[in-house]
């Protein structure tokens, strides 16, 4: 958690969505929605990287250069991208 608060660890919206979608369906017993929400709240200190056009382009280039799957290419690139806070929708102009 210290590393997350120091912004040394980031994740993506895709990873969080897959995590939230998997827990209720792929484990036994299935995690109820309130437990999934509580787990997501516990992960809140981890910065979320939102892919932009440059990140997507670099993933395409990584696929061409190294033959890796597009989404697998996004993961290491996310780690290199500086975390940019995304304002809550209520705070956007």
Protein backbone atom coordinates (compact mmCIF):
# COMPACT_ATOMS: atom_id res chain seq x y z
CA UNK A 1 0.00 0.00 0.00
CA UNK A 2 2.95 2.34 0.66
CA UNK A 3 4.06 1.89 -2.95
CA UNK A 4 0.55 2.68 -4.19
CA UNK A 5 0.38 5.85 -2.13
CA UNK A 6 3.84 6.85 -3.44
CA UNK A 7 2.47 6.36 -7.00
CA UNK A 8 4.96 3.55 -7.68
CA UNK A 9 2.14 1.17 -8.58
CA UNK A 10 -0.54 1.86 -11.16
CA UNK A 11 -3.28 -0.14 -12.80
CA UNK A 12 -5.65 0.40 -15.68
CA UNK A 13 -9.39 0.72 -16.01
CA UNK A 14 -9.31 -2.53 -18.01
CA UNK A 15 -7.62 -4.44 -15.18
CA UNK A 16 -10.07 -3.10 -12.59
CA UNK A 17 -13.03 -3.96 -14.83
CA UNK A 18 -11.77 -7.50 -15.44
CA UNK A 19 -11.18 -7.94 -11.71
CA UNK A 20 -14.70 -6.74 -10.89
CA UNK A 21 -16.25 -8.89 -13.62
CA UNK A 22 -14.34 -12.04 -12.66
CA UNK A 23 -15.02 -12.16 -8.92
CA UNK A 24 -18.78 -12.74 -9.14
CA UNK A 25 -18.51 -15.40 -11.87
CA UNK A 26 -15.21 -17.27 -11.72
CA UNK A 27 -14.75 -18.07 -8.05
CA UNK A 28 -16.77 -20.34 -5.81
CA UNK A 29 -18.66 -19.19 -3.91
CA UNK A 30 -19.30 -16.15 -6.08
CA UNK A 31 -18.41 -12.81 -4.53
CA UNK A 32 -21.51 -10.69 -3.90
CA UNK A 33 -21.56 -7.18 -5.40
CA UNK A 34 -21.04 -5.49 -2.03
CA UNK A 35 -17.84 -7.51 -1.46
CA UNK A 36 -16.55 -6.64 -4.93
CA UNK A 37 -17.27 -2.96 -4.25
CA UNK A 38 -15.42 -3.18 -0.92
CA UNK A 39 -12.40 -4.76 -2.63
CA UNK A 40 -12.39 -2.03 -5.27
CA UNK A 41 -12.54 0.57 -2.49
CA UNK A 42 -9.49 -1.06 -0.89
CA UNK A 43 -7.64 -0.66 -4.22
CA UNK A 44 -8.57 3.02 -4.45
CA UNK A 45 -5.09 4.32 -3.45
CA UNK A 46 -3.61 2.68 -6.56
CA UNK A 47 -3.34 5.16 -9.42
CA UNK A 48 -5.37 4.42 -12.54
CA UNK A 49 -3.82 5.02 -15.94
CA UNK A 50 -6.36 5.84 -18.60
CA UNK A 51 -5.10 4.90 -22.07
CA UNK A 52 -4.73 7.80 -24.45
CA UNK A 53 -3.94 7.85 -28.16
CA UNK A 54 -0.18 7.82 -27.59
CA UNK A 55 -0.35 4.77 -25.31
CA UNK A 56 -2.48 2.88 -27.84
CA UNK A 57 -0.07 3.79 -30.66
CA UNK A 58 2.91 2.57 -28.62
CA UNK A 59 1.11 -0.72 -27.94
CA UNK A 60 0.60 -1.17 -31.68
CA UNK A 61 4.31 -0.48 -32.21
CA UNK A 62 5.25 -2.98 -29.46
CA UNK A 63 3.10 -5.61 -31.18
CA UNK A 64 4.93 -4.99 -34.44
CA UNK A 65 8.38 -4.93 -32.85
CA UNK A 66 8.02 -7.84 -30.41
CA UNK A 67 5.03 -9.84 -31.68
CA UNK A 68 3.14 -9.53 -28.40
CA UNK A 69 -0.62 -9.28 -28.09
CA UNK A 70 -1.95 -5.71 -28.18
CA UNK A 71 -3.36 -5.76 -24.62
CA UNK A 72 -0.22 -7.40 -23.28
CA UNK A 73 1.72 -4.57 -24.88
CA UNK A 74 -0.32 -1.99 -23.03
CA UNK A 75 0.65 -3.33 -19.60
CA UNK A 76 4.40 -2.57 -19.59
CA UNK A 77 3.76 0.70 -21.39
CA UNK A 78 1.36 1.77 -18.65
CA UNK A 79 4.11 1.34 -16.10
CA UNK A 80 6.27 3.78 -18.04
CA UNK A 81 3.49 6.34 -18.42
CA UNK A 82 3.27 8.90 -15.64
CA UNK A 83 0.06 8.58 -13.66
CA UNK A 84 -2.34 11.35 -14.59
CA UNK A 85 -5.19 11.82 -12.13
CA UNK A 86 -8.57 11.69 -13.80
CA UNK A 87 -11.00 14.19 -12.24
CA UNK A 88 -14.26 12.81 -10.94
CA UNK A 89 -17.09 13.54 -13.43
CA UNK A 90 -18.72 15.89 -10.90
CA UNK A 91 -15.57 18.05 -10.87
CA UNK A 92 -15.14 18.35 -14.64
CA UNK A 93 -16.03 21.62 -16.31
